[in-house]
N, C-alpha and C. Protein backbone atom coordinates (compact mmCIF):
# COMPACT_ATOMS: atom_id res chain seq x y z
N UNK A 1 80.46 92.20 24.18
CA UNK A 1 80.35 93.47 23.53
C UNK A 1 81.54 94.35 23.92
N UNK A 2 81.87 95.26 23.02
CA UNK A 2 82.93 96.22 23.29
C UNK A 2 82.43 97.60 22.88
N UNK A 3 82.68 98.58 23.73
CA UNK A 3 82.37 99.97 23.41
C UNK A 3 83.64 100.77 23.59
N UNK A 4 83.89 101.67 22.65
CA UNK A 4 85.11 102.48 22.68
C UNK A 4 84.71 103.94 22.75
N UNK A 5 85.35 104.65 23.68
CA UNK A 5 85.04 106.06 23.92
C UNK A 5 86.27 106.92 23.69
N UNK A 6 86.05 108.10 23.15
CA UNK A 6 87.07 109.14 23.07
C UNK A 6 86.94 109.95 24.36
N UNK A 7 88.08 110.23 25.03
CA UNK A 7 88.02 110.98 26.28
C UNK A 7 89.04 112.12 26.27
N UNK A 8 88.99 112.90 27.33
CA UNK A 8 90.00 113.95 27.51
C UNK A 8 90.91 113.63 28.71
N UNK A 9 90.96 112.38 29.11
CA UNK A 9 91.81 111.96 30.23
C UNK A 9 93.26 112.02 29.77
N UNK A 10 94.10 112.70 30.53
CA UNK A 10 95.50 112.90 30.14
C UNK A 10 96.47 112.10 31.00
N UNK A 11 96.12 111.89 32.24
CA UNK A 11 97.06 111.39 33.23
C UNK A 11 96.78 109.93 33.58
N UNK A 12 97.83 109.12 33.66
CA UNK A 12 97.70 107.70 33.98
C UNK A 12 97.07 107.48 35.35
N UNK A 13 97.43 108.30 36.34
CA UNK A 13 96.85 108.17 37.67
C UNK A 13 95.35 108.43 37.65
N UNK A 14 94.92 109.41 36.88
CA UNK A 14 93.49 109.70 36.76
C UNK A 14 92.78 108.55 36.05
N UNK A 15 93.42 108.00 35.04
CA UNK A 15 92.84 106.87 34.32
C UNK A 15 92.63 105.69 35.26
N UNK A 16 93.59 105.41 36.11
CA UNK A 16 93.46 104.30 37.06
C UNK A 16 92.31 104.53 38.04
N UNK A 17 92.15 105.77 38.51
CA UNK A 17 91.04 106.09 39.39
C UNK A 17 89.70 105.94 38.67
N UNK A 18 89.65 106.36 37.41
CA UNK A 18 88.42 106.23 36.63
C UNK A 18 88.08 104.77 36.37
N UNK A 19 89.07 103.95 36.09
CA UNK A 19 88.83 102.52 35.89
C UNK A 19 88.20 101.94 37.15
N UNK A 20 88.75 102.29 38.31
CA UNK A 20 88.21 101.79 39.58
C UNK A 20 86.77 102.25 39.78
N UNK A 21 86.48 103.50 39.48
CA UNK A 21 85.11 104.03 39.65
C UNK A 21 84.13 103.33 38.70
N UNK A 22 84.55 103.13 37.45
CA UNK A 22 83.68 102.46 36.48
C UNK A 22 83.42 101.03 36.92
N UNK A 23 84.46 100.32 37.35
CA UNK A 23 84.29 98.93 37.76
C UNK A 23 83.48 98.82 39.05
N UNK A 24 83.54 99.83 39.90
CA UNK A 24 82.72 99.85 41.11
C UNK A 24 81.25 100.01 40.73
N UNK A 25 80.97 100.89 39.77
CA UNK A 25 79.59 101.14 39.34
C UNK A 25 79.05 100.03 38.43
N UNK A 26 79.96 99.39 37.68
CA UNK A 26 79.58 98.35 36.72
C UNK A 26 80.51 97.15 36.90
N UNK A 27 80.25 96.32 37.91
CA UNK A 27 81.19 95.25 38.27
C UNK A 27 81.52 94.25 37.16
N UNK A 28 80.64 94.06 36.21
CA UNK A 28 80.90 93.09 35.15
C UNK A 28 81.73 93.61 33.99
N UNK A 29 82.07 94.89 34.01
CA UNK A 29 82.80 95.49 32.90
C UNK A 29 84.30 95.32 33.07
N UNK A 30 84.97 95.07 31.96
CA UNK A 30 86.43 95.07 31.90
C UNK A 30 86.82 96.38 31.23
N UNK A 31 87.63 97.17 31.91
CA UNK A 31 87.85 98.57 31.50
C UNK A 31 89.34 98.84 31.39
N UNK A 32 89.74 99.56 30.33
CA UNK A 32 91.12 100.04 30.24
C UNK A 32 91.18 101.29 29.39
N UNK A 33 92.27 102.03 29.59
CA UNK A 33 92.53 103.24 28.82
C UNK A 33 93.73 103.02 27.91
N UNK A 34 93.73 103.70 26.77
CA UNK A 34 94.90 103.80 25.91
C UNK A 34 95.18 105.30 25.76
N UNK A 35 96.00 105.82 26.66
CA UNK A 35 96.30 107.25 26.64
C UNK A 35 97.33 107.61 25.59
N UNK A 36 97.95 106.62 24.98
CA UNK A 36 98.90 106.88 23.90
C UNK A 36 98.17 107.22 22.60
N UNK A 37 96.95 106.77 22.47
CA UNK A 37 96.14 107.07 21.30
C UNK A 37 95.74 108.55 21.32
N UNK A 38 95.66 109.15 20.16
CA UNK A 38 95.31 110.58 20.09
C UNK A 38 93.92 110.87 20.64
N UNK A 39 93.05 109.87 20.68
CA UNK A 39 91.70 110.04 21.21
C UNK A 39 91.58 109.67 22.68
N UNK A 40 92.70 109.34 23.32
CA UNK A 40 92.70 108.99 24.76
C UNK A 40 91.59 107.97 25.04
N UNK A 41 91.71 106.83 24.40
CA UNK A 41 90.69 105.80 24.33
C UNK A 41 90.35 105.18 25.69
N UNK A 42 89.07 105.05 25.95
CA UNK A 42 88.54 104.24 27.04
C UNK A 42 87.83 103.07 26.36
N UNK A 43 88.25 101.86 26.70
CA UNK A 43 87.66 100.66 26.11
C UNK A 43 86.95 99.88 27.21
N UNK A 44 85.69 99.53 26.94
CA UNK A 44 84.88 98.79 27.91
C UNK A 44 84.39 97.51 27.25
N UNK A 45 84.63 96.38 27.93
CA UNK A 45 84.18 95.08 27.43
C UNK A 45 83.22 94.48 28.44
N UNK A 46 82.23 93.75 27.92
CA UNK A 46 81.26 93.09 28.78
C UNK A 46 80.59 91.97 28.00
N UNK A 47 80.15 90.95 28.72
CA UNK A 47 79.40 89.88 28.06
C UNK A 47 77.94 90.31 27.85
N UNK A 48 77.53 91.36 28.54
CA UNK A 48 76.17 91.91 28.40
C UNK A 48 76.23 93.26 27.71
N UNK A 49 75.07 93.84 27.50
CA UNK A 49 74.97 95.17 26.88
C UNK A 49 75.69 96.20 27.75
N UNK A 50 76.43 97.10 27.12
CA UNK A 50 77.17 98.14 27.83
C UNK A 50 76.30 99.40 27.87
N UNK A 51 76.15 99.96 29.06
CA UNK A 51 75.36 101.16 29.25
C UNK A 51 76.24 102.39 29.00
N UNK A 52 76.43 102.71 27.72
CA UNK A 52 77.34 103.78 27.32
C UNK A 52 76.91 105.13 27.90
N UNK A 53 75.62 105.41 27.90
CA UNK A 53 75.15 106.70 28.42
C UNK A 53 75.53 106.88 29.89
N UNK A 54 75.41 105.81 30.67
CA UNK A 54 75.76 105.90 32.10
C UNK A 54 77.26 106.07 32.30
N UNK A 55 78.06 105.47 31.45
CA UNK A 55 79.52 105.65 31.54
C UNK A 55 79.88 107.09 31.21
N UNK A 56 79.29 107.63 30.16
CA UNK A 56 79.54 109.02 29.78
C UNK A 56 79.12 109.96 30.91
N UNK A 57 77.96 109.69 31.50
CA UNK A 57 77.47 110.52 32.61
C UNK A 57 78.40 110.43 33.81
N UNK A 58 78.87 109.23 34.15
CA UNK A 58 79.77 109.05 35.29
C UNK A 58 81.06 109.84 35.07
N UNK A 59 81.66 109.72 33.89
CA UNK A 59 82.89 110.47 33.62
C UNK A 59 82.64 111.97 33.69
N UNK A 60 81.50 112.41 33.17
CA UNK A 60 81.16 113.83 33.23
C UNK A 60 81.05 114.31 34.68
N UNK A 61 80.40 113.50 35.52
CA UNK A 61 80.27 113.85 36.93
C UNK A 61 81.62 113.93 37.63
N UNK A 62 82.60 113.17 37.11
CA UNK A 62 83.94 113.18 37.69
C UNK A 62 84.86 114.22 37.03
N UNK A 63 84.28 115.02 36.11
CA UNK A 63 85.02 116.13 35.52
C UNK A 63 85.70 115.84 34.20
N UNK A 64 85.28 114.77 33.53
CA UNK A 64 85.91 114.40 32.26
C UNK A 64 84.87 114.31 31.16
N UNK A 65 85.36 114.41 29.94
CA UNK A 65 84.50 114.27 28.76
C UNK A 65 84.71 112.89 28.16
N UNK A 66 83.64 112.27 27.71
CA UNK A 66 83.73 111.01 26.99
C UNK A 66 82.62 110.97 25.95
N UNK A 67 82.93 110.41 24.80
CA UNK A 67 81.95 110.24 23.75
C UNK A 67 82.23 108.94 23.01
N UNK A 68 81.19 108.33 22.52
CA UNK A 68 81.35 107.07 21.80
C UNK A 68 82.08 107.33 20.50
N UNK A 69 83.09 106.51 20.24
CA UNK A 69 83.78 106.55 18.95
C UNK A 69 83.00 105.67 17.99
N UNK A 70 82.56 106.21 16.88
CA UNK A 70 81.77 105.40 15.94
C UNK A 70 82.66 104.35 15.27
N UNK A 71 82.04 103.23 14.94
CA UNK A 71 82.74 102.22 14.16
C UNK A 71 83.04 102.80 12.79
N UNK A 72 84.27 102.68 12.37
CA UNK A 72 84.63 103.18 11.05
C UNK A 72 84.82 102.00 10.12
N UNK A 73 84.03 101.99 9.08
CA UNK A 73 84.15 100.95 8.08
C UNK A 73 84.91 101.52 6.91
N UNK A 74 86.09 100.94 6.61
CA UNK A 74 86.86 101.50 5.50
C UNK A 74 86.14 101.31 4.18
N UNK A 75 86.25 102.33 3.33
CA UNK A 75 85.68 102.22 1.99
C UNK A 75 86.83 102.04 1.02
N UNK A 76 86.61 101.18 0.08
CA UNK A 76 87.64 100.88 -0.91
C UNK A 76 87.14 101.29 -2.29
N UNK A 77 88.00 101.93 -3.03
CA UNK A 77 87.66 102.29 -4.40
C UNK A 77 87.84 101.06 -5.27
N UNK A 78 86.89 100.85 -6.14
CA UNK A 78 86.96 99.70 -7.05
C UNK A 78 87.53 100.09 -8.37
């Protein structure tokens, strides 16, 4: 499974610390940030269900905002 979050993380050093905290709390998760994206993406991968609410809560406790980015299905005009 993959879950993608929009965040307000700006700094690469902060992102690295957050990755470490998330992986400490959720050892099976593979975590990375894409701070070049306008949504400051946090991407979490796991072979099991991802506890998105707990990730959002953890980031909030550490002073950051995170929200799930909805899957966008492109619509095509016929």
